[in-house]
Each structure stands twice: as structure tokens, then as C-alpha cells.
C-alpha atoms as a PDB file:
ATOM      1  CA  UNK A   1      19.227 -12.826  19.316  1.00  0.00           C
ATOM      2  CA  UNK A   2      18.913 -16.581  20.146  1.00  0.00           C
ATOM      3  CA  UNK A   3      16.185 -17.626  22.460  1.00  0.00           C
ATOM      4  CA  UNK A   4      16.601 -19.920  25.551  1.00  0.00           C
ATOM      5  CA  UNK A   5      15.593 -23.695  25.428  1.00  0.00           C
ATOM      6  CA  UNK A   6      13.162 -23.121  28.086  1.00  0.00           C
ATOM      7  CA  UNK A   7      11.099 -20.350  25.980  1.00  0.00           C
ATOM      8  CA  UNK A   8      11.409 -22.780  22.808  1.00  0.00           C
ATOM      9  CA  UNK A   9      10.117 -25.587  24.787  1.00  0.00           C
ATOM     10  CA  UNK A  10       7.386 -23.359  26.084  1.00  0.00           C
ATOM     11  CA  UNK A  11       6.244 -22.094  22.857  1.00  0.00           C
ATOM     12  CA  UNK A  12       6.240 -25.534  21.361  1.00  0.00           C
ATOM     13  CA  UNK A  13       3.982 -26.839  24.292  1.00  0.00           C
ATOM     14  CA  UNK A  14       1.574 -23.441  23.542  1.00  0.00           C
ATOM     15  CA  UNK A  15       1.449 -24.710  19.720  1.00  0.00           C
ATOM     16  CA  UNK A  16       0.741 -28.408  20.599  1.00  0.00           C
ATOM     17  CA  UNK A  17      -1.902 -27.081  23.059  1.00  0.00           C
ATOM     18  CA  UNK A  18      -3.613 -24.784  20.560  1.00  0.00           C
ATOM     19  CA  UNK A  19      -3.601 -27.525  17.820  1.00  0.00           C
ATOM     20  CA  UNK A  20      -5.163 -29.928  20.119  1.00  0.00           C
ATOM     21  CA  UNK A  21      -8.048 -27.602  21.097  1.00  0.00           C
ATOM     22  CA  UNK A  22      -8.815 -26.651  17.471  1.00  0.00           C
ATOM     23  CA  UNK A  23      -8.875 -30.222  16.514  1.00  0.00           C
ATOM     24  CA  UNK A  24     -11.206 -31.082  19.340  1.00  0.00           C
ATOM     25  CA  UNK A  25     -13.612 -28.143  18.462  1.00  0.00           C
ATOM     26  CA  UNK A  26     -13.387 -29.156  14.708  1.00  0.00           C
ATOM     27  CA  UNK A  27     -14.357 -32.777  15.587  1.00  0.00           C
ATOM     28  CA  UNK A  28     -17.187 -31.641  18.033  1.00  0.00           C
ATOM     29  CA  UNK A  29     -18.511 -29.398  15.515  1.00  0.00           C
ATOM     30  CA  UNK A  30     -18.390 -31.979  12.662  1.00  0.00           C
ATOM     31  CA  UNK A  31     -20.222 -34.420  15.142  1.00  0.00           C
ATOM     32  CA  UNK A  32     -22.992 -32.144  15.515  1.00  0.00           C
ATOM     33  CA  UNK A  33     -23.459 -31.458  11.690  1.00  0.00           C
ATOM     34  CA  UNK A  34     -23.474 -35.075  10.931  1.00  0.00           C
ATOM     35  CA  UNK A  35     -25.676 -36.028  13.893  1.00  0.00           C
ATOM     36  CA  UNK A  36     -28.288 -38.491  12.684  1.00  0.00           C
ATOM     37  CA  UNK A  37     -31.778 -38.193  14.339  1.00  0.00           C
ATOM     38  CA  UNK A  38     -33.084 -41.196  13.002  1.00  0.00           C
ATOM     39  CA  UNK A  39     -35.504 -43.649  14.647  1.00  0.00           C
ATOM     40  CA  UNK A  40     -33.142 -45.018  17.152  1.00  0.00           C
ATOM     41  CA  UNK A  41     -32.328 -41.392  18.416  1.00  0.00           C
ATOM     42  CA  UNK A  42     -35.913 -40.623  18.875  1.00  0.00           C
ATOM     43  CA  UNK A  43     -36.656 -43.961  20.597  1.00  0.00           C
ATOM     44  CA  UNK A  44     -33.727 -43.109  22.963  1.00  0.00           C
ATOM     45  CA  UNK A  45     -35.304 -39.677  23.594  1.00  0.00           C
ATOM     46  CA  UNK A  46     -38.461 -41.259  24.299  1.00  0.00           C
ATOM     47  CA  UNK A  47     -37.075 -43.791  26.802  1.00  0.00           C
ATOM     48  CA  UNK A  48     -35.104 -41.093  28.719  1.00  0.00           C
ATOM     49  CA  UNK A  49     -38.008 -38.781  28.879  1.00  0.00           C
ATOM     50  CA  UNK A  50     -40.303 -41.786  30.235  1.00  0.00           C
ATOM     51  CA  UNK A  51     -37.599 -42.674  32.914  1.00  0.00           C
ATOM     52  CA  UNK A  52     -37.415 -38.844  34.058  1.00  0.00           C
ATOM     53  CA  UNK A  53     -41.028 -39.154  34.608  1.00  0.00           C
ATOM     54  CA  UNK A  54     -41.231 -42.702  35.973  1.00  0.00           C
ATOM     55  CA  UNK A  55     -38.484 -42.409  38.586  1.00  0.00           C
ATOM     56  CA  UNK A  56     -39.834 -39.738  40.593  1.00  0.00           C
ATOM     57  CA  UNK A  57     -43.290 -41.017  40.527  1.00  0.00           C
ATOM     58  CA  UNK A  58     -42.288 -44.515  41.682  1.00  0.00           C
ATOM     59  CA  UNK A  59     -40.266 -42.617  44.220  1.00  0.00           C
ATOM     60  CA  UNK A  60     -42.862 -40.334  45.580  1.00  0.00           C
ATOM     61  CA  UNK A  61     -45.335 -43.551  45.601  1.00  0.00           C
ATOM     62  CA  UNK A  62     -43.110 -45.561  47.700  1.00  0.00           C
ATOM     63  CA  UNK A  63     -42.520 -42.726  50.195  1.00  0.00           C
ATOM     64  CA  UNK A  64     -46.211 -42.050  50.239  1.00  0.00           C
ATOM     65  CA  UNK A  65     -47.073 -45.655  50.957  1.00  0.00           C
ATOM     66  CA  UNK A  66     -44.559 -45.695  53.766  1.00  0.00           C
ATOM     67  CA  UNK A  67     -46.025 -42.430  55.424  1.00  0.00           C
ATOM     68  CA  UNK A  68     -49.556 -43.929  55.035  1.00  0.00           C
ATOM     69  CA  UNK A  69     -48.375 -46.999  57.091  1.00  0.00           C
ATOM     70  CA  UNK A  70     -46.718 -45.215  59.557  1.00  0.00           C
ATOM     71  CA  UNK A  71     -49.055 -41.877  59.610  1.00  0.00           C
ATOM     72  CA  UNK A  72     -52.512 -42.867  58.354  1.00  0.00           C
ATOM     73  CA  UNK A  73     -55.425 -40.599  58.075  1.00  0.00           C
ATOM     74  CA  UNK A  74     -56.377 -37.778  55.446  1.00  0.00           C
ATOM     75  CA  UNK A  75     -54.887 -36.588  53.136  1.00  0.00           C
ATOM     76  CA  UNK A  76     -53.505 -39.913  51.377  1.00  0.00           C
ATOM     77  CA  UNK A  77     -49.800 -39.342  51.423  1.00  0.00           C
ATOM     78  CA  UNK A  78     -49.730 -42.098  48.505  1.00  0.00           C
ATOM     79  CA  UNK A  79     -51.691 -40.228  46.098  1.00  0.00           C
ATOM     80  CA  UNK A  80     -50.253 -36.885  46.949  1.00  0.00           C
ATOM     81  CA  UNK A  81     -46.480 -37.757  46.607  1.00  0.00           C
ATOM     82  CA  UNK A  82     -47.428 -39.685  43.654  1.00  0.00           C
ATOM     83  CA  UNK A  83     -48.923 -36.562  41.891  1.00  0.00           C
ATOM     84  CA  UNK A  84     -45.932 -34.408  43.097  1.00  0.00           C
ATOM     85  CA  UNK A  85     -43.537 -37.164  41.376  1.00  0.00           C
ATOM     86  CA  UNK A  86     -45.490 -37.008  38.337  1.00  0.00           C
ATOM     87  CA  UNK A  87     -45.383 -33.055  38.246  1.00  0.00           C
ATOM     88  CA  UNK A  88     -41.755 -32.834  39.277  1.00  0.00           C
ATOM     89  CA  UNK A  89     -40.793 -35.635  36.603  1.00  0.00           C
ATOM     90  CA  UNK A  90     -42.910 -33.811  33.892  1.00  0.00           C
ATOM     91  CA  UNK A  91     -41.066 -30.640  34.723  1.00  0.00           C
ATOM     92  CA  UNK A  92     -37.322 -32.164  34.601  1.00  0.00           C
ATOM     93  CA  UNK A  93     -38.291 -34.000  31.376  1.00  0.00           C
ATOM     94  CA  UNK A  94     -39.566 -30.759  29.795  1.00  0.00           C
ATOM     95  CA  UNK A  95     -36.344 -28.701  31.041  1.00  0.00           C
ATOM     96  CA  UNK A  96     -34.020 -31.421  29.773  1.00  0.00           C
ATOM     97  CA  UNK A  97     -35.674 -31.444  26.102  1.00  0.00           C
ATOM     98  CA  UNK A  98     -35.590 -27.709  26.183  1.00  0.00           C
ATOM     99  CA  UNK A  99     -31.965 -27.771  26.955  1.00  0.00           C
ATOM    100  CA  UNK A 100     -31.139 -30.245  24.104  1.00  0.00           C
ATOM    101  CA  UNK A 101     -33.167 -28.135  21.699  1.00  0.00           C
ATOM    102  CA  UNK A 102     -31.021 -24.980  22.618  1.00  0.00           C
ATOM    103  CA  UNK A 103     -27.819 -27.159  22.494  1.00  0.00           C
ATOM    104  CA  UNK A 104     -28.728 -28.222  18.713  1.00  0.00           C
ATOM    105  CA  UNK A 105     -29.354 -24.881  17.499  1.00  0.00           C
END
């Protein structure tokens, strides 16, 4: 029994899609295996971790300075929010590194 042209076209599209998905999966696995974690990788990692701590710290300090300017008194908003920024930045960096390590395994 002969199949209709629509069925043949649909089957061809499915085969093409399966082939493309398999090709991308093979490329992704090959890239993970061939991943070169040399000096540049670790310098980049160091930079990303540094920025993930620095940005919340600077943002907390800036907000604290603004609050101290508008609402002076105890406690010092600058110091408090700077410490909150450091803690949040460290937590974000720790989480990011942990997720990268899980992805590599």
C-alpha cells in the first residue's frame, strides 16, 4: 500500500529533526570532553567570582551612603549594607561555582 505524500513528508521531517538533535548532542558531549581548563579558564573563573562579589558590595555601599545621607543616625547604613552585599555576593559566587562543578560531573 502506497503512503500519501503528506505522510512521507512528515516522516522525512521527523528523521531530519532526530538527526539534528543527535548531532547537537554529540557536539555538546564532545565539547565537554575536550574542555581545556587551562590558565585562561581559571583566570576567567576568578574574574567572574570577583565580579559576583564586587557588584553587590558596591551596590550595598552606594545604597547605604544614600540612606546615611537622608536618614543619619545609628546604625550606619553604609557599613550594614556593605556587609550584606559581601555576604550576598559570596553566597551567589558559592552557588555559581557549585552549579558549575555539578554540570562538569
